[in-house]
Amino acid sequence: MEELEARYSLPAGEGDGAILGLAAGDTAGGAWELGYSAVTEQATVLSYQLIEHLQVSSDGVAEAIRELDGAGDEEPVYRSESPHFRRWLDRAAAGSNVPEGEPSIDPAPRAVPFGVAFREEPERLIEQVIESESVFHNHAPSILGGVVVASAVAASCFAQAGRDLIAGVSETAEMASRALSQRSALSGVEELEAAVADVAALVDLVGVTTGSDAMAALGVEGVGRPWDQIRAGLLVSAPVGDRDHVPLEQAARIGGSPLGAAVGGIVGARVGIRAWPWAFANDTWFAEIGRRLARGPQEVADLPIPYAVEQHLISGERRGFH
C-alpha cells in the first residue's frame, strides 16, 4: 500500500497561504495567549522586505526587525519573544548586533517567506536565508534549519508532499551545507554533515502523523533539541491528510509557537488561503501578504504598516485589516 501514497496534491495558489498558515500555527502554539506572537511579526516584516525589494540585506533586515521593538523611540510591539530573539534585540538596542551562538529554532519560522518568494530559485533561496539569518545567528545548524523549512515551503508551493518533499529538502540542505561550510566565522560547522544525513534519513520515516510518534521515530525523548523539533515538524507536515490543521496542532504540541508556525507555513503553502479552525486577528492581512509574495504586485505602500498594525492590536484601538 505504501507505493500508492500520494506524492503530490493539487496546487492551491502556489504558496499564497503560507503566511496565513504560519500565523495559524503560531496561534496554536500559544506563545501569546491572545493570538499570534513575535514569531509571526518577524515573518511579516521580512515578507514586506521581500515583496518590495525581491531580496534582503543584512542591514535592511536588522533595521526593519528593530523597528517593531521601538527603535524609533516608539512603544515596543513584539509579543512573547523567544529568549534568543529578546537577547539579540537588547544587544542591538545597545549598539551591538552580535548574533546568537547557541542552537535555536527561531530561524525556522522566520524563513517561511523566503520559501514562497524563491520557490523556483533554490540557489537564491539558500543565499537569502543565510544572509538574513546570519544577522541573528552564528550557529550553522540553526541557519541550516531555516533553509530546511524554506525549502519545504518552496516544495509545498507546488503541492509536493510525502517522500518526494523530504527528498527535495534533503538536496537543498546539502547545497546549503556547502555554502555554510565556507563561512569560517560560524560555529557548529562540523555538525553540518551529520545534519544533512539526518534530513535524508527522514525519507524512510514518512507516514507518522502525530508529534509524539515523530519524536519517537527519531529516537528522541522529551522536547529534544531545536534540530530534533525541526525534523519532527518535517515528518508531520509531509503527508497529505484529510484535516489540514492537524499537523499544525501536532507541531505546536512538541515545539510550541515556533514549530507550529514553521509547519503552518509548510502546510499553508500547500493548501492555499483557507479558514483555520481557530480565530486570530488580521487574517485577511496575512492572506494578502501571502498573495503578494506569490504573485505580486511588488508594492507595499497600499498595505498597512506592520508597526501600526501591531500597535493597534496591543492597544485595542482597532482590529483587523485596515
Protein backbone atom coordinates (compact mmCIF):
# COMPACT_ATOMS: atom_id res chain seq x y z
CA MET A 1 0.00 0.00 0.00
CA GLU A 2 2.92 2.35 0.56
CA GLU A 3 3.52 2.52 -3.17
CA LEU A 4 0.06 4.07 -3.56
CA GLU A 5 0.86 7.01 -1.29
CA ALA A 6 0.16 10.33 -2.97
CA ARG A 7 3.34 12.28 -3.59
CA TYR A 8 1.55 15.36 -4.87
CA SER A 9 -1.77 17.05 -4.23
CA LEU A 10 -3.30 19.72 -6.45
CA PRO A 11 -1.53 23.10 -6.26
CA ALA A 12 -3.55 25.73 -4.40
CA GLY A 13 -2.33 29.27 -5.01
CA GLU A 14 1.35 28.38 -5.41
CA GLY A 15 2.22 29.28 -1.84
CA ASP A 16 -0.14 32.19 -1.16
CA GLY A 17 -1.47 30.55 2.02
CA ALA A 18 1.94 30.24 3.68
CA ILE A 19 1.85 33.38 5.84
CA LEU A 20 -1.74 32.77 6.90
CA GLY A 21 -0.79 29.21 7.84
CA LEU A 22 2.24 30.48 9.73
CA ALA A 23 0.08 32.81 11.83
CA ALA A 24 -2.36 29.95 12.47
CA GLY A 25 0.44 27.68 13.66
CA ASP A 26 1.89 30.40 15.85
CA THR A 27 -1.52 30.96 17.42
CA ALA A 28 -1.94 27.21 18.00
CA GLY A 29 1.38 27.19 19.85
CA GLY A 30 0.08 29.66 22.41
CA ALA A 31 3.22 31.76 22.92
CA TRP A 32 0.90 34.75 23.23
CA GLU A 33 -2.37 33.73 24.80
CA LEU A 34 -4.49 36.11 22.72
CA GLY A 35 -3.22 35.13 19.27
CA TYR A 36 -0.07 35.23 17.19
CA SER A 37 3.24 36.32 18.67
CA ALA A 38 6.61 37.82 17.73
CA VAL A 39 7.18 34.71 15.60
CA THR A 40 4.61 35.93 13.06
CA GLU A 41 5.56 39.57 13.48
CA GLN A 42 9.11 38.86 12.33
CA ALA A 43 7.94 36.87 9.31
CA THR A 44 5.61 39.72 8.37
CA VAL A 45 8.41 42.28 8.45
CA LEU A 46 10.62 40.06 6.28
CA SER A 47 7.72 39.46 3.88
CA TYR A 48 7.41 43.20 3.33
CA GLN A 49 11.13 43.39 2.54
CA LEU A 50 10.80 40.57 0.00
CA ILE A 51 7.65 41.92 -1.62
CA GLU A 52 9.13 45.38 -2.11
CA HIS A 53 12.74 44.58 -2.95
CA LEU A 54 12.70 40.91 -4.05
CA GLN A 55 15.70 40.39 -1.78
CA VAL A 56 17.01 41.22 1.68
CA SER A 57 20.24 42.67 3.01
CA SER A 58 21.66 42.17 6.48
CA ASP A 59 21.44 45.90 7.27
CA GLY A 60 17.91 46.15 5.94
CA VAL A 61 16.77 43.11 7.92
CA ALA A 62 18.24 44.42 11.17
CA GLU A 63 16.70 47.86 10.74
CA ALA A 64 13.25 46.56 9.80
CA ILE A 65 13.14 43.99 12.60
CA ARG A 66 14.23 46.52 15.22
CA GLU A 67 11.52 48.98 14.20
CA LEU A 68 8.87 46.88 15.94
CA ASP A 69 10.96 46.92 19.11
CA GLY A 70 10.60 50.67 19.35
CA ALA A 71 13.92 51.55 17.71
CA GLY A 72 12.46 54.90 16.71
CA ASP A 73 11.61 55.87 20.31
CA GLU A 74 8.21 54.23 19.95
CA GLU A 75 6.48 51.64 22.12
CA PRO A 76 7.81 48.09 21.56
CA VAL A 77 5.14 45.89 19.99
CA TYR A 78 6.75 42.45 19.91
CA ARG A 79 4.82 39.89 21.94
CA SER A 80 6.21 36.82 23.71
CA GLU A 81 9.65 36.96 22.13
CA SER A 82 11.90 33.92 22.44
CA PRO A 83 14.89 34.33 24.80
CA HIS A 84 17.30 34.27 21.85
CA PHE A 85 15.41 36.94 19.96
CA ARG A 86 14.98 39.12 23.05
CA ARG A 87 18.71 38.99 23.78
CA TRP A 88 19.50 39.97 20.19
CA LEU A 89 17.07 42.91 20.35
CA ASP A 90 18.62 44.12 23.62
CA ARG A 91 22.13 43.91 22.21
CA ALA A 92 21.07 45.69 19.04
CA ALA A 93 19.47 48.47 21.08
CA ALA A 94 22.76 48.85 22.92
CA GLY A 95 24.60 49.21 19.61
CA SER A 96 25.92 45.68 19.19
CA ASN A 97 24.26 43.43 16.59
CA VAL A 98 26.09 40.31 17.76
CA PRO A 99 24.37 37.13 16.54
CA GLU A 100 23.46 34.25 18.86
CA GLY A 101 25.86 31.32 19.01
CA GLU A 102 23.53 28.82 20.69
CA PRO A 103 21.27 26.33 18.86
CA SER A 104 17.89 27.90 18.13
CA ILE A 105 14.65 27.07 16.34
CA ASP A 106 13.96 30.75 15.62
CA PRO A 107 15.27 30.64 12.00
CA ALA A 108 12.69 28.00 11.06
CA PRO A 109 9.52 30.14 11.07
CA ARG A 110 11.42 33.28 10.07
CA ALA A 111 12.46 31.55 6.83
CA VAL A 112 8.92 30.75 5.65
CA PRO A 113 8.51 33.86 3.42
CA PHE A 114 11.73 33.01 1.60
CA GLY A 115 10.29 29.65 0.58
CA VAL A 116 7.45 31.41 -1.23
CA ALA A 117 9.49 34.22 -2.73
CA PHE A 118 12.23 31.92 -4.07
CA ARG A 119 10.23 28.75 -4.71
CA GLU A 120 11.69 28.45 -8.22
CA GLU A 121 15.24 29.52 -7.31
CA PRO A 122 16.90 27.15 -4.82
CA GLU A 123 20.27 28.87 -5.04
CA ARG A 124 18.79 32.27 -4.22
CA LEU A 125 16.65 30.73 -1.50
CA ILE A 126 19.78 29.42 0.19
CA GLU A 127 21.71 32.65 -0.30
CA GLN A 128 18.92 34.85 1.02
CA VAL A 129 18.07 32.72 4.05
CA ILE A 130 21.73 32.61 5.04
CA GLU A 131 22.05 36.38 4.51
CA SER A 132 19.01 37.07 6.68
CA GLU A 133 19.62 34.53 9.44
CA SER A 134 23.30 35.40 9.82
CA VAL A 135 22.08 38.69 11.28
CA PHE A 136 20.59 36.82 14.24
CA HIS A 137 22.54 33.56 14.50
CA ASN A 138 26.14 32.43 14.37
CA HIS A 139 25.28 28.72 14.69
CA ALA A 140 25.47 26.96 11.32
CA PRO A 141 22.99 24.12 12.02
CA SER A 142 20.41 26.64 13.25
CA ILE A 143 20.73 28.59 10.00
CA LEU A 144 20.50 25.29 8.12
CA GLY A 145 17.21 24.70 9.93
CA GLY A 146 15.90 27.88 8.35
CA VAL A 147 16.95 26.70 4.89
CA VAL A 148 15.29 23.32 5.51
CA VAL A 149 11.95 24.92 6.37
CA ALA A 150 12.16 27.42 3.49
CA SER A 151 12.85 24.61 1.03
CA ALA A 152 9.93 22.58 2.42
CA VAL A 153 7.71 25.63 1.92
CA ALA A 154 9.02 26.00 -1.63
CA ALA A 155 8.22 22.37 -2.41
CA SER A 156 4.76 22.74 -0.87
CA CYS A 157 4.05 25.72 -3.12
CA PHE A 158 3.88 23.16 -5.93
CA ALA A 159 1.90 20.70 -3.77
CA GLN A 160 4.84 18.35 -3.30
CA ALA A 161 4.39 16.03 -0.34
CA GLY A 162 5.47 12.77 1.27
CA ARG A 163 8.82 11.21 0.44
CA ASP A 164 9.34 13.46 -2.57
CA LEU A 165 9.09 16.55 -0.37
CA ILE A 166 11.69 15.18 2.05
CA ALA A 167 13.99 14.12 -0.79
CA GLY A 168 13.84 17.60 -2.31
CA VAL A 169 14.52 19.24 1.04
CA SER A 170 17.48 16.91 1.53
CA GLU A 171 19.03 18.03 -1.75
CA THR A 172 18.66 21.69 -0.80
CA ALA A 173 20.09 21.02 2.67
CA GLU A 174 23.18 19.52 1.09
CA MET A 175 23.65 22.59 -1.11
CA ALA A 176 23.17 24.88 1.90
CA SER A 177 25.66 22.87 3.94
CA ARG A 178 28.35 23.50 1.35
CA ALA A 179 27.59 27.23 1.38
CA LEU A 180 27.63 27.41 5.18
CA SER A 181 30.88 25.45 5.38
CA GLN A 182 32.61 28.30 3.54
CA ARG A 183 31.82 30.67 6.43
CA SER A 184 34.66 30.16 8.87
CA ALA A 185 33.18 32.56 11.42
CA LEU A 186 30.18 30.31 12.08
CA SER A 187 30.08 27.85 14.96
CA GLY A 188 28.88 24.26 14.59
CA VAL A 189 30.14 23.87 11.01
CA GLU A 190 31.47 20.43 11.92
CA GLU A 191 27.88 19.33 12.65
CA LEU A 192 26.56 20.09 9.18
CA GLU A 193 27.44 16.79 7.53
CA ALA A 194 25.54 14.83 10.17
CA ALA A 195 22.62 17.26 9.95
CA VAL A 196 22.30 16.72 6.19
CA ALA A 197 22.33 12.96 6.78
CA ASP A 198 19.59 13.45 9.39
CA VAL A 199 17.34 15.06 6.79
CA ALA A 200 17.99 12.36 4.19
CA ALA A 201 17.12 9.68 6.77
CA LEU A 202 13.62 11.14 7.16
CA VAL A 203 12.57 9.69 3.79
CA ASP A 204 12.14 6.24 5.34
CA LEU A 205 10.14 7.62 8.27
CA VAL A 206 7.44 9.47 6.33
CA GLY A 207 3.97 8.42 7.39
CA VAL A 208 3.80 9.41 11.04
CA THR A 209 1.14 12.00 11.76
CA THR A 210 1.48 12.84 15.46
CA GLY A 211 4.19 14.82 17.16
CA SER A 212 4.85 12.15 19.75
CA ASP A 213 5.20 9.45 17.07
CA ALA A 214 7.55 11.68 15.09
CA MET A 215 9.81 12.23 18.09
CA ALA A 216 9.72 8.52 18.88
CA ALA A 217 10.64 7.68 15.28
CA LEU A 218 13.66 9.95 15.67
CA GLY A 219 14.60 8.24 18.93
CA VAL A 220 14.21 11.49 20.86
CA GLU A 221 12.91 11.68 24.41
CA GLY A 222 11.27 14.80 25.82
CA VAL A 223 11.24 18.06 23.89
CA GLY A 224 14.56 17.38 22.15
CA ARG A 225 16.90 19.90 20.58
CA PRO A 226 15.79 22.57 18.09
CA TRP A 227 17.14 20.40 15.28
CA ASP A 228 15.11 17.42 16.53
CA GLN A 229 11.96 19.55 16.57
CA ILE A 230 12.54 20.75 13.01
CA ARG A 231 12.95 17.18 11.76
CA ALA A 232 9.81 16.11 13.61
CA GLY A 233 7.98 19.07 12.09
CA LEU A 234 9.01 17.95 8.61
CA LEU A 235 7.67 14.48 9.31
CA VAL A 236 4.22 15.61 10.46
CA SER A 237 3.91 18.13 7.62
CA ALA A 238 4.96 15.78 4.82
CA PRO A 239 1.83 13.56 4.46
CA VAL A 240 -1.30 14.86 2.74
CA GLY A 241 -4.14 14.38 5.21
CA ASP A 242 -7.87 14.95 5.31
CA ARG A 243 -7.65 17.58 8.06
CA ASP A 244 -5.15 20.28 7.21
CA HIS A 245 -5.00 21.73 10.72
CA VAL A 246 -3.79 18.53 12.41
CA PRO A 247 -0.07 18.93 11.51
CA LEU A 248 -0.10 22.45 12.97
CA GLU A 249 -1.63 21.21 16.21
CA GLN A 250 0.83 18.34 16.47
CA ALA A 251 3.83 20.56 15.76
CA ALA A 252 2.63 23.04 18.38
CA ARG A 253 2.42 20.24 20.94
CA ILE A 254 6.10 19.40 20.60
CA GLY A 255 7.65 22.73 19.62
CA GLY A 256 5.23 25.47 20.66
CA SER A 257 4.67 28.53 18.51
CA PRO A 258 7.97 28.45 16.57
CA LEU A 259 7.46 24.91 15.28
CA GLY A 260 3.71 25.38 14.90
CA ALA A 261 4.40 28.44 12.74
CA ALA A 262 7.04 26.68 10.63
CA VAL A 263 4.74 23.73 9.96
CA GLY A 264 1.86 26.13 9.39
CA GLY A 265 3.93 27.80 6.68
CA ILE A 266 4.67 24.46 5.00
CA VAL A 267 1.07 23.23 5.12
CA GLY A 268 -0.35 26.65 4.28
CA ALA A 269 1.80 26.84 1.16
CA ARG A 270 0.31 23.52 0.06
CA VAL A 271 -3.37 24.09 0.85
CA GLY A 272 -3.62 27.79 -0.01
CA ILE A 273 -5.67 30.54 1.59
CA ARG A 274 -8.32 28.93 3.76
CA ALA A 275 -10.08 29.34 7.08
CA TRP A 276 -8.36 27.72 10.04
CA PRO A 277 -10.41 26.25 12.93
CA TRP A 278 -9.24 28.82 15.48
CA ALA A 279 -9.59 32.58 15.28
CA PHE A 280 -6.75 35.13 15.26
CA ALA A 281 -6.53 38.79 14.35
CA ASN A 282 -5.52 40.23 10.97
CA ASP A 283 -6.13 37.05 8.98
CA THR A 284 -7.07 38.94 5.80
CA TRP A 285 -3.82 40.92 6.07
CA PHE A 286 -1.80 37.72 6.24
CA ALA A 287 -3.69 36.35 3.27
CA GLU A 288 -2.84 39.44 1.21
CA ILE A 289 0.82 39.30 2.24
CA GLY A 290 0.94 35.70 1.04
CA ARG A 291 -0.72 36.62 -2.25
CA ARG A 292 1.84 39.33 -2.93
CA LEU A 293 4.76 37.10 -2.04
CA ALA A 294 3.46 34.54 -4.50
CA ARG A 295 2.10 36.70 -7.30
CA GLY A 296 2.82 40.38 -6.67
CA PRO A 297 2.41 43.24 -7.17
CA GLN A 298 5.81 44.35 -5.90
CA GLU A 299 4.19 47.01 -3.76
CA VAL A 300 3.58 47.59 -0.03
CA ALA A 301 2.61 51.27 0.02
CA ASP A 302 -1.08 50.37 -0.06
CA LEU A 303 -0.70 47.79 2.75
CA PRO A 304 -0.88 48.63 6.47
CA ILE A 305 2.41 49.50 8.18
CA PRO A 306 3.41 46.47 10.30
CA TYR A 307 4.28 48.59 13.33
CA ALA A 308 0.90 50.34 13.20
CA VAL A 309 -0.98 47.04 12.89
CA GLU A 310 0.73 45.58 15.94
CA GLN A 311 0.43 48.75 17.99
CA HIS A 312 -3.30 48.86 17.30
CA LEU A 313 -3.64 45.20 18.24
CA ILE A 314 -1.93 45.75 21.57
CA SER A 315 -3.81 48.94 22.35
CA GLY A 316 -7.15 47.56 21.22
CA GLU A 317 -7.95 50.74 19.32
CA ARG A 318 -8.54 49.00 16.03
CA ARG A 319 -8.58 45.39 14.88
CA GLY A 320 -8.46 43.60 11.61
CA PHE A 321 -7.07 44.63 8.23
CA HIS A 322 -7.28 48.39 7.63
